[in-house]
Amino acid sequence: MIPQPYLLFLGDAPDPLAAKVAQGIRDWRPDVAIGQFRMAGCNADMKLPDMTIAEAAAAGAKTLVVGVANRGGMISPAWIAVLREALAAGMDLASGLHNLLRDEPELVEAARTHGRTLHDVRVPAVKYPIANGKRRTGKRCLAVGTDCSVGKMYTAIAMERAMHARKLKATFRATGQTGILITGDGVPLDAVIADFMAGAIEWLTPDNDPDHWDLIEGQGSLFHASYSGVTLALIHGGQPDALILCHEPTRAHMRGLPDYTLPSLEDLAEVSLRMARIVNPACQVVGISINTAGLDEAAALDYLARTEERMKLPAVDPFRQGADRLVDALEALT
């Protein structure tokens, strides 16, 4: 287990979305986030106390968590001095970047000198099987998106909490670094060798009680030129009974791809269902999750109402409004 509480490192994140790891921890595990560290030029803010390394150590921080998820998942050379200072102050380091902490000689030496641990959560810890496509008992719901970082993880976590409040059997299945840091378990799917990605999701969502729902964290988008492969592995490995469509309405283009516009929800439903029904012919789209963080209350309600009328499916912002209507849609399938 990664020692808690955390100091969330926002580094020099160019915008709030670049610090989505920190934002996820702040929103879903505020009890373990005691402060944030921001470097010059940082344009993200978790609304936590800004702390120096010394202040965070004095306040009891046990681990500095790299809260940045930049394109390519790289540790910036500009961060190294701060990360070394945290180790010297008695903190562990945790990161979900592709560029591993353990591959940075200066950090390895500092951790050895000060008796601290480097936690790389984006490293597969299991020898995953190749997918076999066999049906499993239990139910599965997967969040799929029109783009990256549109709220797929938030949707699945919000649904799990709503289902637990109803005493229903449900488990959030983390498939990315933020979800793993929030829950302490999961599969870092985009770090799994491609041949084993779908098998990793079969392993993550095994046979279960007939009335149990696995709520699978989505990744990427079938329409994203960079990250579609991980989405397809989730669909085929997860064999979902239900899909939740996720969308962020203020995006001008695909995240990191300025030449690509987002698909419509209709296109997302059609393509996702076509892929899902290869492994589960009974799969259905049951609801729509809209990330309305960029809209005021009136605009958000208007957008949701228009989307629901157009798509003939419940459309909600599960973080802003709660996920009860999406859970209602799941219960209607059983």
Protein backbone atom coordinates (compact mmCIF):
# COMPACT_ATOMS: atom_id res chain seq x y z
CA MET A 1 0.00 0.00 0.00
CA ILE A 2 1.15 3.53 -0.76
CA PRO A 3 1.51 5.46 2.51
CA GLN A 4 -1.08 8.19 3.11
CA PRO A 5 -1.80 11.10 3.31
CA TYR A 6 -0.63 12.56 0.01
CA LEU A 7 0.90 15.80 -1.17
CA LEU A 8 -0.38 16.26 -4.73
CA PHE A 9 2.34 17.44 -7.10
CA LEU A 10 0.91 19.55 -9.93
CA GLY A 11 4.29 20.55 -11.32
CA ASP A 12 4.07 22.94 -14.24
CA ALA A 13 0.77 21.55 -15.61
CA PRO A 14 -0.27 23.77 -18.54
CA ASP A 15 -4.01 23.42 -17.87
CA PRO A 16 -6.35 21.77 -15.34
CA LEU A 17 -6.90 18.69 -17.49
CA ALA A 18 -3.16 17.96 -17.48
CA ALA A 19 -3.46 17.44 -13.71
CA LYS A 20 -6.35 14.97 -13.97
CA VAL A 21 -4.63 12.45 -11.69
CA ALA A 22 -4.53 14.99 -8.88
CA GLN A 23 -8.08 16.10 -9.67
CA GLY A 24 -9.38 12.55 -9.43
CA ILE A 25 -7.75 12.01 -6.04
CA ARG A 26 -8.99 15.40 -4.84
CA ASP A 27 -12.56 14.69 -5.92
CA TRP A 28 -12.88 11.05 -4.80
CA ARG A 29 -10.39 10.74 -1.91
CA PRO A 30 -10.22 14.22 -0.35
CA ASP A 31 -9.49 12.58 3.00
CA VAL A 32 -5.99 11.59 1.84
CA ALA A 33 -5.01 14.82 0.04
CA ILE A 34 -3.59 17.34 2.52
CA GLY A 35 -2.10 19.85 0.09
CA GLN A 36 -0.70 20.63 -3.33
CA PHE A 37 2.70 21.67 -4.68
CA ARG A 38 2.73 23.91 -7.76
CA MET A 39 5.74 25.08 -9.70
CA ALA A 40 6.06 28.39 -11.53
CA GLY A 41 3.78 28.47 -14.56
CA CYS A 42 1.34 25.88 -13.23
CA ASN A 43 -2.19 26.51 -14.52
CA ALA A 44 -3.95 23.86 -12.43
CA ASP A 45 -5.40 24.31 -8.97
CA MET A 46 -7.05 21.63 -6.81
CA LYS A 47 -8.24 24.25 -4.29
CA LEU A 48 -6.03 22.64 -1.66
CA PRO A 49 -3.48 24.44 0.53
CA ASP A 50 -0.32 25.31 -1.40
CA MET A 51 2.58 23.83 0.56
CA THR A 52 6.32 23.71 0.32
CA ILE A 53 7.92 20.30 0.72
CA ALA A 54 8.96 21.19 4.27
CA GLU A 55 5.44 22.36 5.15
CA ALA A 56 3.89 19.19 3.74
CA ALA A 57 6.31 16.97 5.64
CA ALA A 58 5.57 18.86 8.87
CA ALA A 59 1.83 18.42 8.20
CA GLY A 60 2.30 14.67 7.97
CA ALA A 61 2.42 13.96 4.24
CA LYS A 62 3.78 10.46 3.67
CA THR A 63 3.85 10.35 -0.14
CA LEU A 64 4.24 12.92 -2.89
CA VAL A 65 1.96 11.81 -5.72
CA VAL A 66 2.76 13.00 -9.23
CA GLY A 67 -0.66 14.34 -10.16
CA VAL A 68 0.19 15.23 -13.75
CA ALA A 69 -0.79 13.10 -16.77
CA ASN A 70 1.04 14.70 -19.68
CA ARG A 71 1.08 13.45 -23.26
CA GLY A 72 3.45 10.50 -23.40
CA GLY A 73 3.60 10.22 -19.60
CA MET A 74 7.07 11.72 -19.13
CA ILE A 75 8.85 12.94 -16.00
CA SER A 76 10.06 16.44 -16.77
CA PRO A 77 13.70 17.21 -15.92
CA ALA A 78 12.36 20.37 -14.26
CA TRP A 79 10.61 18.22 -11.63
CA ILE A 80 13.61 16.22 -10.46
CA ALA A 81 14.88 18.70 -7.85
CA VAL A 82 11.44 18.87 -6.18
CA LEU A 83 11.04 15.09 -6.20
CA ARG A 84 14.48 14.65 -4.66
CA GLU A 85 13.60 17.22 -1.98
CA ALA A 86 10.47 15.24 -1.10
CA LEU A 87 12.51 12.06 -0.68
CA ALA A 88 14.99 13.90 1.51
CA ALA A 89 12.11 15.21 3.63
CA GLY A 90 10.97 11.65 4.37
CA MET A 91 8.25 11.13 1.76
CA ASP A 92 7.80 8.28 -0.67
CA LEU A 93 7.08 9.08 -4.34
CA ALA A 94 4.17 7.67 -6.34
CA SER A 95 3.61 8.10 -10.06
CA GLY A 96 1.44 6.68 -12.79
CA LEU A 97 3.52 7.97 -15.70
CA HIS A 98 4.95 5.73 -18.40
CA ASN A 99 8.39 7.20 -17.62
CA LEU A 100 9.03 5.26 -14.40
CA LEU A 101 10.44 6.75 -11.23
CA ARG A 102 12.73 3.72 -10.96
CA ASP A 103 14.30 4.61 -14.31
CA GLU A 104 15.51 7.99 -13.04
CA PRO A 105 18.99 7.43 -11.52
CA GLU A 106 18.89 10.57 -9.36
CA LEU A 107 15.60 9.49 -7.78
CA VAL A 108 16.77 5.93 -7.25
CA GLU A 109 19.90 7.17 -5.49
CA ALA A 110 17.94 9.66 -3.35
CA ALA A 111 15.40 7.00 -2.37
CA ARG A 112 18.23 4.65 -1.36
CA THR A 113 20.01 7.36 0.61
CA HIS A 114 16.92 8.39 2.55
CA GLY A 115 15.32 4.96 2.92
CA ARG A 116 12.21 5.83 0.89
CA THR A 117 10.19 3.89 -1.69
CA LEU A 118 9.39 4.70 -5.31
CA HIS A 119 5.86 3.54 -6.23
CA ASP A 120 5.30 3.13 -9.99
CA VAL A 121 1.62 2.26 -10.33
CA ARG A 122 1.68 2.00 -14.14
CA VAL A 123 3.60 -1.26 -14.06
CA PRO A 124 1.67 -4.50 -14.62
CA ALA A 125 2.05 -6.69 -11.54
CA VAL A 126 0.44 -9.82 -13.02
CA LYS A 127 1.26 -12.08 -15.96
CA TYR A 128 -2.03 -11.58 -17.77
CA PRO A 129 -3.50 -14.22 -20.08
CA ILE A 130 -4.47 -13.86 -23.71
CA ALA A 131 -8.23 -13.28 -23.93
CA ASN A 132 -10.34 -16.35 -24.69
CA GLY A 133 -13.66 -14.58 -25.29
CA LYS A 134 -15.62 -16.99 -23.08
CA ARG A 135 -18.73 -15.62 -21.39
CA ARG A 136 -18.50 -15.09 -17.65
CA THR A 137 -21.18 -14.99 -14.99
CA GLY A 138 -22.18 -11.65 -13.48
CA LYS A 139 -22.92 -8.33 -15.19
CA ARG A 140 -20.56 -5.70 -16.61
CA CYS A 141 -20.94 -2.05 -17.51
CA LEU A 142 -18.32 -0.09 -19.45
CA ALA A 143 -18.01 3.67 -19.88
CA VAL A 144 -17.00 4.66 -23.44
CA GLY A 145 -16.21 8.18 -24.57
CA THR A 146 -16.18 10.54 -27.50
CA ASP A 147 -12.65 11.49 -26.43
CA CYS A 148 -10.02 10.99 -23.74
CA SER A 149 -10.57 12.59 -20.32
CA VAL A 150 -14.30 13.20 -20.65
CA GLY A 151 -15.43 11.58 -17.39
CA LYS A 152 -15.39 7.82 -17.89
CA MET A 153 -13.72 7.11 -14.55
CA TYR A 154 -15.92 9.59 -12.70
CA THR A 155 -18.99 7.94 -14.21
CA ALA A 156 -18.02 4.44 -13.08
CA ILE A 157 -17.06 5.55 -9.55
CA ALA A 158 -20.24 7.59 -9.15
CA MET A 159 -22.32 4.62 -10.28
CA GLU A 160 -20.56 2.32 -7.80
CA ARG A 161 -21.29 4.71 -4.94
CA ALA A 162 -24.94 5.03 -5.95
CA MET A 163 -25.29 1.26 -6.20
CA HIS A 164 -23.68 0.70 -2.81
CA ALA A 165 -26.11 3.23 -1.32
CA ARG A 166 -28.90 0.96 -2.60
CA LYS A 167 -27.16 -2.13 -1.18
CA LEU A 168 -26.58 -3.47 -4.68
CA LYS A 169 -23.57 -5.62 -5.56
CA ALA A 170 -21.12 -3.53 -7.56
CA THR A 171 -17.35 -3.11 -7.94
CA PHE A 172 -15.48 -0.29 -9.64
CA ARG A 173 -12.72 -1.82 -11.76
CA ALA A 174 -9.83 0.62 -12.24
CA THR A 175 -7.92 0.43 -15.52
CA GLY A 176 -5.73 3.55 -15.30
CA GLN A 177 -3.28 5.19 -12.93
CA THR A 178 -5.77 7.58 -11.33
CA GLY A 179 -8.30 4.88 -10.58
CA ILE A 180 -5.58 2.67 -9.15
CA LEU A 181 -4.33 5.49 -6.89
CA ILE A 182 -7.90 6.12 -5.71
CA THR A 183 -8.84 2.49 -5.02
CA GLY A 184 -5.47 0.85 -4.48
CA ASP A 185 -6.08 -1.87 -7.08
CA GLY A 186 -6.65 -2.42 -10.79
CA VAL A 187 -4.92 -2.97 -14.14
CA PRO A 188 -2.70 -0.25 -15.71
CA LEU A 189 -4.10 -1.22 -19.09
CA ASP A 190 -2.14 1.09 -21.38
CA ALA A 191 1.08 -0.37 -19.98
CA VAL A 192 0.09 -3.96 -20.80
CA ILE A 193 1.55 -5.58 -23.92
CA ALA A 194 -1.06 -5.32 -26.67
CA ASP A 195 -1.64 -9.07 -27.08
CA PHE A 196 -2.62 -9.32 -23.41
CA MET A 197 -4.77 -6.20 -22.96
CA ALA A 198 -8.15 -7.86 -23.51
CA GLY A 199 -7.04 -10.80 -21.38
CA ALA A 200 -6.11 -8.42 -18.57
CA ILE A 201 -9.69 -7.13 -18.55
CA GLU A 202 -11.07 -10.67 -18.52
CA TRP A 203 -8.81 -11.27 -15.50
CA LEU A 204 -9.98 -8.04 -13.85
CA THR A 205 -13.68 -8.89 -14.28
CA PRO A 206 -13.95 -12.61 -13.46
CA ASP A 207 -17.00 -14.80 -12.89
CA ASN A 208 -19.26 -13.32 -10.24
CA ASP A 209 -22.75 -13.52 -8.74
CA PRO A 210 -25.53 -13.20 -11.33
CA ASP A 211 -26.68 -9.91 -9.74
CA HIS A 212 -23.21 -8.39 -9.35
CA TRP A 213 -22.11 -5.50 -11.61
CA ASP A 214 -18.51 -4.75 -12.51
CA LEU A 215 -18.29 -1.05 -13.39
CA ILE A 216 -15.31 -0.85 -15.71
CA GLU A 217 -13.33 2.36 -16.03
CA GLY A 218 -13.08 3.36 -19.68
CA GLN A 219 -9.92 4.55 -21.40
CA GLY A 220 -9.27 6.51 -24.59
CA SER A 221 -11.86 6.50 -27.37
CA LEU A 222 -12.57 4.35 -30.38
CA PHE A 223 -12.41 7.60 -32.36
CA HIS A 224 -9.05 8.81 -31.01
CA ALA A 225 -6.23 8.20 -33.48
CA SER A 226 -3.71 7.80 -30.65
CA TYR A 227 -5.56 5.70 -28.09
CA SER A 228 -8.28 3.65 -29.79
CA GLY A 229 -6.52 0.34 -29.19
CA VAL A 230 -6.91 0.44 -25.43
CA THR A 231 -10.64 1.16 -25.81
CA LEU A 232 -11.21 -1.83 -28.06
CA ALA A 233 -9.37 -4.08 -25.61
CA LEU A 234 -11.72 -2.89 -22.86
CA ILE A 235 -14.76 -3.62 -24.99
CA HIS A 236 -13.68 -7.10 -26.05
CA GLY A 237 -12.15 -8.10 -22.71
CA GLY A 238 -14.98 -6.60 -20.68
CA GLN A 239 -17.81 -8.16 -22.72
CA PRO A 240 -20.13 -5.45 -21.38
CA ASP A 241 -23.84 -5.99 -20.90
CA ALA A 242 -24.30 -2.22 -20.78
CA LEU A 243 -22.51 0.81 -22.18
CA ILE A 244 -22.60 4.37 -20.83
CA LEU A 245 -21.72 7.03 -23.41
CA CYS A 246 -19.50 9.81 -22.02
CA HIS A 247 -19.02 13.25 -23.55
CA GLU A 248 -17.63 16.70 -22.74
CA PRO A 249 -19.57 19.31 -24.77
CA THR A 250 -17.10 22.21 -24.72
CA ARG A 251 -14.25 20.45 -26.56
CA ALA A 252 -13.17 22.12 -29.80
CA HIS A 253 -11.19 19.05 -30.92
CA MET A 254 -9.85 15.72 -29.73
CA ARG A 255 -7.47 15.96 -26.80
CA GLY A 256 -3.99 16.39 -28.29
CA LEU A 257 -5.26 16.13 -31.88
CA PRO A 258 -6.25 19.60 -33.13
CA ASP A 259 -7.07 18.27 -36.61
CA TYR A 260 -9.74 15.86 -35.33
CA THR A 261 -13.22 16.79 -34.15
CA LEU A 262 -15.20 14.71 -31.67
CA PRO A 263 -17.73 12.19 -33.00
CA SER A 264 -21.44 12.55 -32.30
CA LEU A 265 -23.05 10.51 -29.55
CA GLU A 266 -24.96 8.70 -32.27
CA ASP A 267 -21.71 7.65 -33.94
CA LEU A 268 -20.24 6.63 -30.60
CA ALA A 269 -23.26 4.46 -29.83
CA GLU A 270 -23.26 2.81 -33.24
CA VAL A 271 -19.56 1.97 -33.40
CA SER A 272 -19.27 0.94 -29.73
CA LEU A 273 -22.28 -1.37 -29.97
CA ARG A 274 -20.99 -2.94 -33.15
CA MET A 275 -17.71 -3.79 -31.42
CA ALA A 276 -19.35 -4.88 -28.15
CA ARG A 277 -21.83 -7.21 -29.81
CA ILE A 278 -18.99 -9.23 -31.28
CA VAL A 279 -18.41 -10.62 -27.76
CA ASN A 280 -21.84 -9.99 -26.21
CA PRO A 281 -24.74 -9.83 -28.68
CA ALA A 282 -27.08 -8.65 -25.92
CA CYS A 283 -25.09 -5.49 -25.09
CA GLN A 284 -27.12 -2.27 -24.94
CA VAL A 285 -26.43 1.45 -24.55
CA VAL A 286 -28.37 2.39 -21.43
CA GLY A 287 -27.42 5.98 -20.59
CA ILE A 288 -25.37 9.07 -21.27
CA SER A 289 -22.90 10.79 -18.95
CA ILE A 290 -22.18 14.43 -19.77
CA ASN A 291 -19.25 16.23 -18.14
CA THR A 292 -20.77 19.68 -17.62
CA ALA A 293 -17.86 21.16 -15.64
CA GLY A 294 -17.40 23.80 -18.35
CA LEU A 295 -21.05 24.92 -18.24
CA ASP A 296 -22.99 26.96 -15.70
CA GLU A 297 -26.06 25.40 -14.07
CA ALA A 298 -28.62 26.69 -16.55
CA ALA A 299 -26.56 25.76 -19.59
CA ALA A 300 -25.81 22.34 -18.12
CA LEU A 301 -29.48 21.55 -17.49
CA ASP A 302 -30.42 22.75 -20.96
CA TYR A 303 -27.73 20.65 -22.63
CA LEU A 304 -28.74 17.55 -20.67
CA ALA A 305 -32.41 18.00 -21.51
CA ARG A 306 -31.71 18.44 -25.22
CA THR A 307 -29.37 15.44 -25.27
CA GLU A 308 -31.91 13.25 -23.52
CA GLU A 309 -34.64 14.27 -25.93
CA ARG A 310 -32.43 13.60 -28.93
CA MET A 311 -30.98 10.29 -27.79
CA LYS A 312 -34.04 8.92 -25.93
CA LEU A 313 -31.79 7.84 -23.06
CA PRO A 314 -31.23 9.23 -19.55
CA ALA A 315 -28.57 11.97 -19.76
CA VAL A 316 -26.96 13.18 -16.52
CA ASP A 317 -23.78 14.62 -15.11
CA PRO A 318 -23.14 11.94 -12.45
CA PHE A 319 -20.60 14.03 -10.56
CA ARG A 320 -22.80 17.12 -10.46
CA GLN A 321 -26.21 15.44 -10.11
CA GLY A 322 -25.54 11.91 -8.92
CA ALA A 323 -25.69 8.65 -10.85
CA ASP A 324 -29.07 7.34 -9.72
CA ARG A 325 -30.73 7.55 -13.12
CA LEU A 326 -27.86 5.61 -14.70
CA VAL A 327 -28.22 2.96 -12.00
CA ASP A 328 -31.96 2.86 -12.68
CA ALA A 329 -31.11 2.04 -16.30
CA LEU A 330 -28.83 -0.81 -15.21
CA GLU A 331 -31.48 -2.23 -12.89
CA ALA A 332 -33.98 -2.15 -15.76
CA LEU A 333 -31.75 -4.66 -17.59
CA THR A 334 -31.81 -7.23 -14.80
